[in-house]
Amino acid sequence: MTEPNELLSDKWLRRAQRLNPYYRERLAWSVPADWPPGAASAEFALRVAAFQKEHGSLTVDGVLGPKTLAAFGGGTFTPPAGEFLIVRGEKLPVPFPVVTWDEPGGMSFYGKKGWTKRRDPSGKGVNLFVLHWDGCTSSSQCFHVLLERGLSVHLMLDGDGTVYQALDLAEGRAWHAGDVNERSIGVEIQNPVRPHRNKWQSPPRELVVGPGVHGGPSYEHLDFYDIQMRRVVELAEVLCARFGIPRELPVGTGGDVLRTLAPSGFRGVCGHYHVSASKPDPGLTLWPGLQASFRESPPTNEASRREAGA
């Protein structure tokens, strides 16, 4: 078996010790009698991490969440059927897997600090979709980091392309992007970013050299998986259609996406760094796919058109 210090850092070990009791209660799982007792113990977290390492297709984080539990039973995690996002309490059909806050394996900011209701709960004031990378090894880890920091986000996009919705898109004012929170929807895209964290990703991510933003130097970081890049485009198209968000990116005179702050009041799809001078996320690799999609006619989505009153 792999040595414990090769499986989890002290920080991740402590986090797994906090999360495993949460998932034991939420998912009502049981484990073999020869596993270490106590879901909150370090020994239990390391045993979970060893299983994840041996399985080969799981993030090694020591947390017995829904994906690891599915693999533990010899299967794979399948999001609940009937894919939809929730807007003003209504179901908006979408062509990708979604787990909402009230479904098994879901994550919810309701009842927690770090968000408020929008002044206009109809969502008519929403005109911006903000993309973040989360710096985490899984969307589950991202969710708990946000809880610890008193922050929130509407959507989390995991490494396998599953979208987790934690707040109503129209009614919830997530705390994710400062001054534009009232008029924006945010998504945290799972990516541990730093190259040394690639050892905890399965499969390994590609390493890219990203040109700096805000005048900073170039730097190496982990890229998004292809499925995540495709899902970002799908998400953007669905949200633009439903909320009337312009299918535009903040670009300069030459047509390249800006590496600086977006113009004040920009409406469309942007990165966290476009609305905060202290942030670099989500890098630059998501923009080509969005630009290509936005150059085409918008996809037909009759459900979205009906919701928007078209």
Protein backbone atom coordinates (compact mmCIF):
# COMPACT_ATOMS: atom_id res chain seq x y z
CA MET A 1 0.00 0.00 0.00
CA THR A 2 1.17 3.53 -0.72
CA GLU A 3 2.66 5.33 2.27
CA PRO A 4 0.21 7.77 3.94
CA ASN A 5 2.33 10.85 3.29
CA GLU A 6 2.15 10.08 -0.43
CA LEU A 7 -1.64 10.00 -0.32
CA LEU A 8 -2.78 13.08 1.57
CA SER A 9 -1.12 16.23 2.82
CA ASP A 10 -1.83 17.21 6.41
CA LYS A 11 -4.27 19.87 5.22
CA TRP A 12 -6.22 17.44 3.03
CA LEU A 13 -6.19 14.83 5.76
CA ARG A 14 -7.80 17.26 8.20
CA ARG A 15 -10.38 18.23 5.58
CA ALA A 16 -11.27 14.57 4.93
CA GLN A 17 -11.70 14.07 8.66
CA ARG A 18 -14.26 16.89 8.67
CA LEU A 19 -16.11 15.80 5.53
CA ASN A 20 -16.44 12.06 6.09
CA PRO A 21 -18.91 12.39 9.02
CA TYR A 22 -20.93 14.80 6.85
CA TYR A 23 -21.18 12.29 3.99
CA ARG A 24 -21.82 9.36 6.34
CA GLU A 25 -24.93 11.17 7.56
CA ARG A 26 -25.97 12.46 4.10
CA LEU A 27 -25.38 9.25 2.12
CA ALA A 28 -25.97 6.73 4.95
CA TRP A 29 -23.05 4.56 3.85
CA SER A 30 -21.51 1.61 5.62
CA VAL A 31 -18.04 0.13 5.18
CA PRO A 32 -16.45 -3.30 5.71
CA ALA A 33 -15.85 -4.34 9.30
CA ASP A 34 -12.07 -4.46 8.78
CA TRP A 35 -11.90 -0.74 7.91
CA PRO A 36 -10.68 1.65 10.62
CA PRO A 37 -13.50 2.72 12.96
CA GLY A 38 -14.70 6.29 13.18
CA ALA A 39 -15.50 8.33 10.08
CA ALA A 40 -13.70 11.31 11.59
CA SER A 41 -10.44 9.46 12.15
CA ALA A 42 -7.24 9.99 10.18
CA GLU A 43 -6.93 6.23 9.71
CA PHE A 44 -10.34 6.08 8.04
CA ALA A 45 -9.50 8.95 5.68
CA LEU A 46 -6.23 7.28 4.69
CA ARG A 47 -8.04 4.00 4.02
CA VAL A 48 -10.47 5.85 1.73
CA ALA A 49 -7.53 7.55 -0.01
CA ALA A 50 -5.83 4.19 -0.52
CA PHE A 51 -9.00 2.81 -2.13
CA GLN A 52 -9.22 5.87 -4.39
CA LYS A 53 -5.59 5.45 -5.41
CA GLU A 54 -6.08 1.75 -6.17
CA HIS A 55 -9.26 2.42 -8.14
CA GLY A 56 -7.40 4.70 -10.55
CA SER A 57 -10.25 6.90 -11.79
CA LEU A 58 -11.07 8.75 -8.56
CA THR A 59 -9.69 11.94 -7.08
CA VAL A 60 -7.50 10.97 -4.12
CA ASP A 61 -8.89 13.21 -1.39
CA GLY A 62 -9.76 10.74 1.39
CA VAL A 63 -13.46 11.64 1.26
CA LEU A 64 -16.09 8.92 0.91
CA GLY A 65 -18.48 11.03 -1.18
CA PRO A 66 -20.98 9.92 -3.85
CA LYS A 67 -18.45 9.11 -6.59
CA THR A 68 -16.18 7.08 -4.33
CA LEU A 69 -19.22 5.37 -2.81
CA ALA A 70 -20.44 4.36 -6.28
CA ALA A 71 -17.01 2.94 -7.15
CA PHE A 72 -16.94 1.17 -3.80
CA GLY A 73 -20.06 -0.71 -4.85
CA GLY A 74 -18.53 -1.68 -8.18
CA GLY A 75 -20.27 0.99 -10.24
CA THR A 76 -19.88 4.58 -11.33
CA PHE A 77 -21.64 7.66 -10.05
CA THR A 78 -24.62 8.57 -12.23
CA PRO A 79 -26.33 11.92 -11.63
CA PRO A 80 -30.09 11.69 -11.12
CA ALA A 81 -32.10 11.38 -14.33
CA GLY A 82 -34.09 14.24 -15.80
CA GLU A 83 -31.42 16.86 -16.34
CA PHE A 84 -32.41 20.40 -15.42
CA LEU A 85 -31.31 23.59 -13.71
CA ILE A 86 -33.61 25.39 -11.28
CA VAL A 87 -34.68 28.96 -12.10
CA ARG A 88 -37.24 30.63 -9.81
CA GLY A 89 -38.19 27.20 -8.51
CA GLU A 90 -38.94 25.91 -12.02
CA LYS A 91 -37.05 23.21 -13.92
CA LEU A 92 -35.10 24.39 -16.96
CA PRO A 93 -34.22 21.33 -19.11
CA VAL A 94 -30.55 21.12 -20.10
CA PRO A 95 -28.49 18.69 -22.25
CA PHE A 96 -25.90 17.82 -19.58
CA PRO A 97 -25.77 16.08 -16.18
CA VAL A 98 -26.84 18.22 -13.21
CA VAL A 99 -27.15 17.46 -9.51
CA THR A 100 -29.28 20.07 -7.73
CA TRP A 101 -29.04 20.93 -4.06
CA ASP A 102 -32.02 18.77 -3.05
CA GLU A 103 -30.94 15.60 -4.86
CA PRO A 104 -28.77 12.75 -3.52
CA GLY A 105 -25.14 13.85 -3.62
CA GLY A 106 -26.16 17.49 -4.01
CA MET A 107 -24.60 20.46 -2.24
CA SER A 108 -26.58 23.38 -0.86
CA PHE A 109 -25.83 26.86 0.47
CA TYR A 110 -29.36 27.16 1.78
CA GLY A 111 -29.33 27.54 5.54
CA LYS A 112 -25.69 28.68 5.38
CA LYS A 113 -24.03 32.09 5.52
CA GLY A 114 -22.32 33.63 2.50
CA TRP A 115 -25.21 34.51 0.19
CA THR A 116 -28.39 36.61 0.12
CA LYS A 117 -31.49 36.90 -2.03
CA ARG A 118 -31.32 39.13 -5.08
CA ARG A 119 -33.12 42.45 -4.85
CA ASP A 120 -35.06 41.33 -7.93
CA PRO A 121 -35.71 37.59 -7.47
CA SER A 122 -37.12 37.31 -11.00
CA GLY A 123 -33.57 37.24 -12.38
CA LYS A 124 -34.38 39.95 -14.95
CA GLY A 125 -31.37 41.92 -13.79
CA VAL A 126 -28.93 39.07 -14.49
CA ASN A 127 -26.69 39.98 -17.43
CA LEU A 128 -23.31 38.43 -16.61
CA PHE A 129 -21.92 34.88 -16.35
CA VAL A 130 -18.62 34.74 -14.43
CA LEU A 131 -16.18 31.83 -14.79
CA HIS A 132 -13.84 30.80 -11.96
CA TRP A 133 -11.37 28.00 -11.39
CA ASP A 134 -11.63 26.58 -7.89
CA GLY A 135 -8.07 25.47 -7.07
CA CYS A 136 -9.50 22.25 -5.62
CA THR A 137 -9.33 18.54 -6.37
CA SER A 138 -13.11 18.11 -6.56
CA SER A 139 -16.29 20.17 -6.54
CA SER A 140 -17.05 18.68 -3.14
CA GLN A 141 -13.84 20.14 -1.78
CA CYS A 142 -14.65 23.47 -3.44
CA PHE A 143 -18.07 23.54 -1.77
CA HIS A 144 -16.60 23.08 1.68
CA VAL A 145 -13.83 25.60 1.07
CA LEU A 146 -16.48 28.17 0.14
CA LEU A 147 -18.44 27.33 3.28
CA GLU A 148 -15.33 27.80 5.40
CA ARG A 149 -14.66 31.18 3.79
CA GLY A 150 -18.24 32.44 4.05
CA LEU A 151 -18.64 32.54 0.26
CA SER A 152 -20.90 30.83 -2.27
CA VAL A 153 -21.51 30.21 -5.96
CA HIS A 154 -24.49 29.10 -8.00
CA LEU A 155 -22.81 26.29 -9.95
CA MET A 156 -19.82 23.97 -9.62
CA LEU A 157 -18.47 22.03 -12.60
CA ASP A 158 -16.62 18.89 -11.58
CA GLY A 159 -13.81 17.16 -13.45
CA ASP A 160 -16.13 14.60 -15.05
CA GLY A 161 -18.45 17.26 -16.47
CA THR A 162 -21.14 16.98 -13.80
CA VAL A 163 -22.70 20.33 -12.87
CA TYR A 164 -23.71 20.88 -9.24
CA GLN A 165 -26.28 23.61 -8.58
CA ALA A 166 -26.22 24.96 -5.02
CA LEU A 167 -28.53 28.02 -5.32
CA ASP A 168 -31.49 29.06 -7.47
CA LEU A 169 -30.03 30.93 -10.45
CA ALA A 170 -32.60 33.72 -10.44
CA GLU A 171 -33.30 34.20 -6.75
CA GLY A 172 -29.92 33.58 -5.11
CA ARG A 173 -27.30 36.32 -4.91
CA ALA A 174 -24.14 34.25 -4.55
CA TRP A 175 -21.03 35.85 -3.06
CA HIS A 176 -18.46 35.02 -5.72
CA ALA A 177 -17.45 38.15 -7.66
CA GLY A 178 -17.70 41.23 -5.47
CA ASP A 179 -19.45 44.24 -7.00
CA VAL A 180 -21.17 42.24 -9.77
CA ASN A 181 -22.81 39.64 -7.52
CA GLU A 182 -26.26 41.19 -7.85
CA ARG A 183 -26.31 40.89 -11.65
CA SER A 184 -24.29 37.72 -12.21
CA ILE A 185 -24.33 33.93 -12.13
CA GLY A 186 -21.09 32.24 -11.12
CA VAL A 187 -19.56 28.84 -11.79
CA GLU A 188 -16.54 27.31 -10.07
CA ILE A 189 -14.78 24.95 -12.49
CA GLN A 190 -12.82 22.20 -10.78
CA ASN A 191 -9.11 22.53 -11.43
CA PRO A 192 -6.34 22.32 -8.80
CA VAL A 193 -4.31 24.73 -10.99
CA ARG A 194 -0.88 24.26 -9.43
CA PRO A 195 1.30 21.73 -11.29
CA HIS A 196 2.39 19.79 -8.19
CA ARG A 197 -1.26 18.94 -7.48
CA ASN A 198 -1.53 16.96 -10.71
CA LYS A 199 -0.56 13.81 -8.81
CA TRP A 200 -4.02 13.88 -7.26
CA GLN A 201 -5.82 14.09 -10.62
CA SER A 202 -6.97 11.07 -12.60
CA PRO A 203 -6.33 11.22 -15.47
CA PRO A 204 -3.48 13.73 -15.19
CA ARG A 205 -4.20 17.17 -16.60
CA GLU A 206 -2.18 18.86 -19.31
CA LEU A 207 0.28 21.50 -18.19
CA VAL A 208 0.01 24.81 -20.04
CA VAL A 209 1.96 28.04 -19.92
CA GLY A 210 -0.58 30.78 -19.42
CA PRO A 211 0.20 34.35 -20.44
CA GLY A 212 -0.17 36.59 -17.45
CA VAL A 213 -3.20 38.77 -16.84
CA HIS A 214 -3.22 42.32 -15.45
CA GLY A 215 0.30 42.74 -16.81
CA GLY A 216 1.71 39.85 -14.80
CA PRO A 217 4.30 37.32 -16.04
CA SER A 218 3.52 34.05 -17.79
CA TYR A 219 3.06 31.07 -15.50
CA GLU A 220 2.52 27.31 -15.64
CA HIS A 221 -0.80 25.87 -14.55
CA LEU A 222 -2.96 22.81 -15.04
CA ASP A 223 -5.52 23.01 -17.82
CA PHE A 224 -9.19 22.04 -17.83
CA TYR A 225 -10.31 18.66 -19.12
CA ASP A 226 -11.89 18.62 -22.58
CA ILE A 227 -15.26 17.67 -21.10
CA GLN A 228 -15.11 20.74 -18.86
CA MET A 229 -14.34 23.02 -21.78
CA ARG A 230 -17.31 21.65 -23.71
CA ARG A 231 -19.56 21.91 -20.69
CA VAL A 232 -18.64 25.57 -20.13
CA VAL A 233 -19.81 26.34 -23.67
CA GLU A 234 -23.07 24.43 -23.11
CA LEU A 235 -23.66 26.19 -19.80
CA ALA A 236 -22.98 29.59 -21.30
CA GLU A 237 -25.37 29.00 -24.19
CA VAL A 238 -28.16 27.80 -21.88
CA LEU A 239 -27.77 30.73 -19.48
CA CYS A 240 -27.48 33.32 -22.24
CA ALA A 241 -30.69 32.01 -23.80
CA ARG A 242 -32.63 31.85 -20.53
CA PHE A 243 -31.55 35.15 -19.00
CA GLY A 244 -30.91 37.20 -22.13
CA ILE A 245 -27.21 37.49 -21.32
CA PRO A 246 -25.36 38.79 -24.41
CA ARG A 247 -23.33 36.10 -26.17
CA GLU A 248 -20.23 38.22 -25.91
CA LEU A 249 -16.80 38.13 -24.29
CA PRO A 250 -14.78 41.20 -23.26
CA VAL A 251 -12.49 41.71 -26.24
CA GLY A 252 -10.01 44.36 -27.37
CA THR A 253 -9.76 46.14 -30.69
CA GLY A 254 -7.99 43.17 -32.28
CA GLY A 255 -10.72 40.73 -31.26
CA ASP A 256 -8.65 38.96 -28.58
CA VAL A 257 -10.20 38.41 -25.16
CA LEU A 258 -8.90 41.01 -22.74
CA ARG A 259 -6.28 40.07 -20.16
CA THR A 260 -7.28 43.03 -18.03
CA LEU A 261 -10.44 44.24 -16.34
CA ALA A 262 -13.51 44.36 -18.54
CA PRO A 263 -15.08 47.75 -19.21
CA SER A 264 -17.34 48.93 -16.40
CA GLY A 265 -20.85 47.59 -16.84
CA PHE A 266 -19.81 44.84 -19.28
CA ARG A 267 -22.58 42.36 -19.99
CA GLY A 268 -21.91 38.85 -21.30
CA VAL A 269 -19.57 36.01 -20.30
CA CYS A 270 -16.30 36.79 -18.56
CA GLY A 271 -13.62 35.52 -16.22
CA HIS A 272 -13.13 36.34 -12.58
CA TYR A 273 -10.06 38.36 -13.55
CA HIS A 274 -12.26 40.56 -15.74
CA VAL A 275 -14.09 41.85 -12.64
CA SER A 276 -11.28 41.70 -10.06
CA ALA A 277 -7.77 43.07 -10.53
CA SER A 278 -6.38 40.66 -7.93
CA LYS A 279 -7.56 37.43 -9.60
CA PRO A 280 -6.04 35.35 -12.46
CA ASP A 281 -8.83 32.82 -12.99
CA PRO A 282 -9.93 31.08 -15.07
CA GLY A 283 -6.83 31.58 -17.24
CA LEU A 284 -7.17 31.91 -21.00
CA THR A 285 -7.84 28.42 -22.37
CA LEU A 286 -11.65 28.56 -22.15
CA TRP A 287 -12.00 31.53 -24.49
CA PRO A 288 -11.41 29.84 -27.91
CA GLY A 289 -14.29 27.41 -27.44
CA LEU A 290 -16.66 30.16 -26.34
CA GLN A 291 -15.58 32.43 -29.19
CA ALA A 292 -16.19 29.67 -31.72
CA SER A 293 -19.65 28.97 -30.31
CA PHE A 294 -20.64 32.63 -30.15
CA ARG A 295 -19.67 33.12 -33.80
CA GLU A 296 -22.38 30.64 -34.76
CA SER A 297 -26.12 31.20 -34.56
CA PRO A 298 -27.41 30.57 -31.04
CA PRO A 299 -28.56 26.98 -30.47
CA THR A 300 -32.30 26.35 -30.44
CA ASN A 301 -33.60 25.70 -26.95
CA GLU A 302 -37.38 25.80 -26.94
CA ALA A 303 -37.58 25.32 -23.17
CA SER A 304 -35.35 28.34 -22.61
CA ARG A 305 -37.31 30.41 -25.12
CA ARG A 306 -40.58 29.64 -23.34
CA GLU A 307 -39.08 30.49 -19.94
CA ALA A 308 -37.81 33.80 -21.28
CA GLY A 309 -41.19 34.60 -22.80
CA ALA A 310 -39.92 34.50 -26.41
